[in-house]
Amino acid sequence: MNIQELKCFVVVADRLNFTRAAKELYVTPPTVTHHIQHLEEELGVKLFIRDSKSVQLTTAVKSFIMMLMISYYVWKLFLIV
């Protein structure tokens, strides 16, 4: 697990869209997919329910996401300042 994987996780969770997350993170959608898959393998849990038209959060990670999102946006805020 690394910071790039966690950033991908937080942005996908916020946007519920891999393509939009990739654009925001300045990476390709396959890179986002790779990071999410690696994170899911390492944690041993599915983070998203995805099909060709939608992305949803799994029940197991909804509360965890809120803590990560807060941490990510605070970190991002300090980079801007």
N, C-alpha and C. Protein backbone atom coordinates (compact mmCIF):
# COMPACT_ATOMS: atom_id res chain seq x y z
N MET A 1 0.86 -1.17 0.00
CA MET A 1 0.00 0.00 0.00
C MET A 1 0.91 1.23 0.00
N ASN A 2 0.56 2.17 -0.86
CA ASN A 2 1.34 3.40 -0.91
C ASN A 2 0.41 4.59 -1.03
N ILE A 3 0.97 5.77 -0.96
CA ILE A 3 0.15 6.99 -0.97
C ILE A 3 -0.61 7.15 -2.28
N GLN A 4 -0.02 6.76 -3.41
CA GLN A 4 -0.71 6.88 -4.70
C GLN A 4 -1.96 5.98 -4.73
N GLU A 5 -1.85 4.79 -4.20
CA GLU A 5 -3.01 3.89 -4.14
C GLU A 5 -4.10 4.46 -3.24
N LEU A 6 -3.69 5.01 -2.11
CA LEU A 6 -4.67 5.60 -1.21
C LEU A 6 -5.32 6.84 -1.82
N LYS A 7 -4.53 7.65 -2.52
CA LYS A 7 -5.10 8.81 -3.20
C LYS A 7 -6.12 8.37 -4.25
N CYS A 8 -5.79 7.35 -5.02
CA CYS A 8 -6.73 6.83 -6.02
C CYS A 8 -8.01 6.36 -5.36
N PHE A 9 -7.85 5.63 -4.27
CA PHE A 9 -9.02 5.14 -3.54
C PHE A 9 -9.93 6.28 -3.10
N VAL A 10 -9.34 7.30 -2.50
CA VAL A 10 -10.14 8.41 -1.98
C VAL A 10 -10.83 9.17 -3.12
N VAL A 11 -10.13 9.43 -4.20
CA VAL A 11 -10.73 10.20 -5.30
C VAL A 11 -11.80 9.38 -6.02
N VAL A 12 -11.56 8.10 -6.25
CA VAL A 12 -12.60 7.26 -6.86
C VAL A 12 -13.81 7.20 -5.93
N ALA A 13 -13.58 7.05 -4.65
CA ALA A 13 -14.69 7.00 -3.69
C ALA A 13 -15.49 8.31 -3.69
N ASP A 14 -14.80 9.41 -3.85
CA ASP A 14 -15.46 10.71 -3.87
C ASP A 14 -16.22 10.94 -5.18
N ARG A 15 -15.61 10.57 -6.30
CA ARG A 15 -16.20 10.83 -7.61
C ARG A 15 -17.11 9.69 -8.10
N LEU A 16 -16.87 8.48 -7.56
CA LEU A 16 -17.58 7.27 -8.02
C LEU A 16 -17.46 7.11 -9.54
N ASN A 17 -16.26 7.42 -10.02
CA ASN A 17 -16.00 7.34 -11.45
C ASN A 17 -14.48 7.22 -11.66
N PHE A 18 -14.05 6.14 -12.29
CA PHE A 18 -12.62 5.90 -12.47
C PHE A 18 -12.01 6.90 -13.46
N THR A 19 -12.74 7.25 -14.51
CA THR A 19 -12.22 8.18 -15.51
C THR A 19 -12.03 9.57 -14.93
N ARG A 20 -13.03 10.05 -14.20
CA ARG A 20 -12.90 11.38 -13.58
C ARG A 20 -11.78 11.40 -12.55
N ALA A 21 -11.66 10.32 -11.80
CA ALA A 21 -10.57 10.23 -10.82
C ALA A 21 -9.22 10.29 -11.52
N ALA A 22 -9.09 9.57 -12.62
CA ALA A 22 -7.84 9.57 -13.37
C ALA A 22 -7.49 10.98 -13.85
N LYS A 23 -8.48 11.69 -14.36
CA LYS A 23 -8.23 13.06 -14.83
C LYS A 23 -7.77 13.95 -13.68
N GLU A 24 -8.43 13.83 -12.54
CA GLU A 24 -8.06 14.66 -11.39
C GLU A 24 -6.66 14.34 -10.88
N LEU A 25 -6.27 13.08 -10.97
CA LEU A 25 -4.97 12.65 -10.48
C LEU A 25 -3.87 12.71 -11.55
N TYR A 26 -4.25 13.12 -12.77
CA TYR A 26 -3.30 13.22 -13.88
C TYR A 26 -2.63 11.88 -14.20
N VAL A 27 -3.45 10.83 -14.21
CA VAL A 27 -3.00 9.50 -14.60
C VAL A 27 -4.03 8.91 -15.55
N THR A 28 -3.74 7.75 -16.12
CA THR A 28 -4.68 7.11 -17.02
C THR A 28 -5.69 6.27 -16.22
N PRO A 29 -6.88 6.03 -16.78
CA PRO A 29 -7.84 5.16 -16.10
C PRO A 29 -7.29 3.76 -15.79
N PRO A 30 -6.51 3.13 -16.70
CA PRO A 30 -5.94 1.83 -16.33
C PRO A 30 -5.00 1.89 -15.11
N THR A 31 -4.32 3.02 -14.94
CA THR A 31 -3.47 3.19 -13.77
C THR A 31 -4.30 3.22 -12.50
N VAL A 32 -5.42 3.93 -12.54
CA VAL A 32 -6.32 3.98 -11.39
C VAL A 32 -6.84 2.57 -11.09
N THR A 33 -7.26 1.87 -12.13
CA THR A 33 -7.76 0.50 -11.96
C THR A 33 -6.70 -0.39 -11.33
N HIS A 34 -5.47 -0.28 -11.81
CA HIS A 34 -4.37 -1.08 -11.27
C HIS A 34 -4.15 -0.78 -9.78
N HIS A 35 -4.13 0.50 -9.43
CA HIS A 35 -3.93 0.87 -8.02
C HIS A 35 -5.05 0.34 -7.14
N ILE A 36 -6.27 0.45 -7.60
CA ILE A 36 -7.41 -0.04 -6.81
C ILE A 36 -7.36 -1.55 -6.67
N GLN A 37 -7.06 -2.26 -7.75
CA GLN A 37 -6.97 -3.71 -7.68
C GLN A 37 -5.86 -4.16 -6.72
N HIS A 38 -4.72 -3.48 -6.77
CA HIS A 38 -3.62 -3.83 -5.87
C HIS A 38 -4.03 -3.59 -4.42
N LEU A 39 -4.68 -2.48 -4.17
CA LEU A 39 -5.14 -2.17 -2.82
C LEU A 39 -6.15 -3.21 -2.34
N GLU A 40 -7.08 -3.59 -3.21
CA GLU A 40 -8.07 -4.61 -2.85
C GLU A 40 -7.40 -5.95 -2.54
N GLU A 41 -6.40 -6.32 -3.33
CA GLU A 41 -5.67 -7.57 -3.08
C GLU A 41 -4.93 -7.51 -1.75
N GLU A 42 -4.28 -6.39 -1.50
CA GLU A 42 -3.50 -6.26 -0.28
C GLU A 42 -4.39 -6.27 0.97
N LEU A 43 -5.55 -5.60 0.88
CA LEU A 43 -6.46 -5.53 2.02
C LEU A 43 -7.34 -6.76 2.14
N GLY A 44 -7.49 -7.50 1.05
CA GLY A 44 -8.33 -8.69 1.05
C GLY A 44 -9.81 -8.38 1.09
N VAL A 45 -10.19 -7.23 0.54
CA VAL A 45 -11.59 -6.84 0.53
C VAL A 45 -11.88 -6.02 -0.73
N LYS A 46 -13.06 -6.20 -1.28
CA LYS A 46 -13.48 -5.38 -2.41
C LYS A 46 -13.84 -4.00 -1.89
N LEU A 47 -13.33 -2.98 -2.54
CA LEU A 47 -13.61 -1.61 -2.13
C LEU A 47 -14.79 -1.01 -2.88
N PHE A 48 -14.99 -1.47 -4.11
CA PHE A 48 -16.04 -0.92 -4.97
C PHE A 48 -16.83 -2.03 -5.64
N ILE A 49 -18.10 -1.76 -5.84
CA ILE A 49 -18.95 -2.61 -6.68
C ILE A 49 -19.00 -1.87 -8.01
N ARG A 50 -18.47 -2.49 -9.05
CA ARG A 50 -18.42 -1.78 -10.32
C ARG A 50 -18.99 -2.64 -11.45
N ASP A 51 -19.63 -1.94 -12.37
CA ASP A 51 -20.06 -2.56 -13.62
C ASP A 51 -19.76 -1.55 -14.72
N SER A 52 -20.23 -1.81 -15.90
CA SER A 52 -19.87 -0.94 -17.03
C SER A 52 -20.48 0.47 -16.92
N LYS A 53 -21.48 0.64 -16.07
CA LYS A 53 -22.16 1.94 -15.99
C LYS A 53 -22.04 2.65 -14.66
N SER A 54 -21.61 1.97 -13.62
CA SER A 54 -21.59 2.64 -12.32
C SER A 54 -20.51 2.07 -11.41
N VAL A 55 -20.18 2.87 -10.41
CA VAL A 55 -19.26 2.49 -9.35
C VAL A 55 -19.97 2.81 -8.04
N GLN A 56 -19.99 1.84 -7.14
CA GLN A 56 -20.60 2.04 -5.83
C GLN A 56 -19.62 1.59 -4.75
N LEU A 57 -19.78 2.14 -3.58
CA LEU A 57 -18.95 1.74 -2.45
C LEU A 57 -19.50 0.47 -1.83
N THR A 58 -18.62 -0.40 -1.36
CA THR A 58 -19.08 -1.57 -0.63
C THR A 58 -19.43 -1.13 0.79
N THR A 59 -20.29 -1.87 1.41
CA THR A 59 -20.69 -1.58 2.78
C THR A 59 -19.51 -1.61 3.72
N ALA A 60 -18.58 -2.50 3.47
CA ALA A 60 -17.43 -2.69 4.36
C ALA A 60 -16.54 -1.47 4.46
N VAL A 61 -16.55 -0.59 3.48
CA VAL A 61 -15.59 0.52 3.49
C VAL A 61 -16.21 1.91 3.62
N LYS A 62 -17.51 2.02 3.72
CA LYS A 62 -18.12 3.36 3.74
C LYS A 62 -17.62 4.24 4.88
N SER A 63 -17.52 3.73 6.08
CA SER A 63 -17.04 4.56 7.19
C SER A 63 -15.54 4.82 7.09
N PHE A 64 -14.80 3.83 6.62
CA PHE A 64 -13.35 3.99 6.43
C PHE A 64 -13.06 5.10 5.43
N ILE A 65 -13.87 5.20 4.41
CA ILE A 65 -13.68 6.21 3.37
C ILE A 65 -13.79 7.62 3.93
N MET A 66 -14.72 7.83 4.83
CA MET A 66 -14.88 9.17 5.38
C MET A 66 -13.60 9.62 6.09
N MET A 67 -12.97 8.74 6.83
CA MET A 67 -11.72 9.09 7.52
C MET A 67 -10.62 9.38 6.51
N LEU A 68 -10.51 8.56 5.47
CA LEU A 68 -9.48 8.79 4.46
C LEU A 68 -9.72 10.06 3.66
N MET A 69 -10.98 10.34 3.34
CA MET A 69 -11.29 11.55 2.57
C MET A 69 -10.90 12.80 3.34
N ILE A 70 -11.19 12.82 4.61
CA ILE A 70 -10.83 13.97 5.42
C ILE A 70 -9.31 14.13 5.43
N SER A 71 -8.59 13.04 5.62
CA SER A 71 -7.12 13.09 5.64
C SER A 71 -6.57 13.58 4.30
N TYR A 72 -7.11 13.05 3.20
CA TYR A 72 -6.63 13.43 1.87
C TYR A 72 -6.85 14.91 1.59
N TYR A 73 -8.03 15.43 1.89
CA TYR A 73 -8.30 16.82 1.56
C TYR A 73 -7.54 17.78 2.47
N VAL A 74 -7.27 17.39 3.70
CA VAL A 74 -6.41 18.21 4.55
C VAL A 74 -5.00 18.23 3.98
N TRP A 75 -4.50 17.06 3.57
CA TRP A 75 -3.17 16.95 2.96
C TRP A 75 -3.11 17.79 1.68
N LYS A 76 -4.14 17.69 0.84
CA LYS A 76 -4.18 18.43 -0.41
C LYS A 76 -4.21 19.95 -0.14
N LEU A 77 -4.93 20.35 0.87
CA LEU A 77 -5.02 21.76 1.24
C LEU A 77 -3.63 22.30 1.62
N PHE A 78 -2.89 21.52 2.37
CA PHE A 78 -1.55 21.97 2.77
C PHE A 78 -0.59 22.04 1.59
N LEU A 79 -0.81 21.24 0.55
CA LEU A 79 0.04 21.33 -0.64
C LEU A 79 -0.22 22.61 -1.42
N ILE A 80 -1.45 23.09 -1.38
CA ILE A 80 -1.82 24.29 -2.13
C ILE A 80 -1.30 25.53 -1.45
N VAL A 81 -1.30 25.54 -0.14
CA VAL A 81 -0.91 26.72 0.63
C VAL A 81 0.55 26.96 0.57
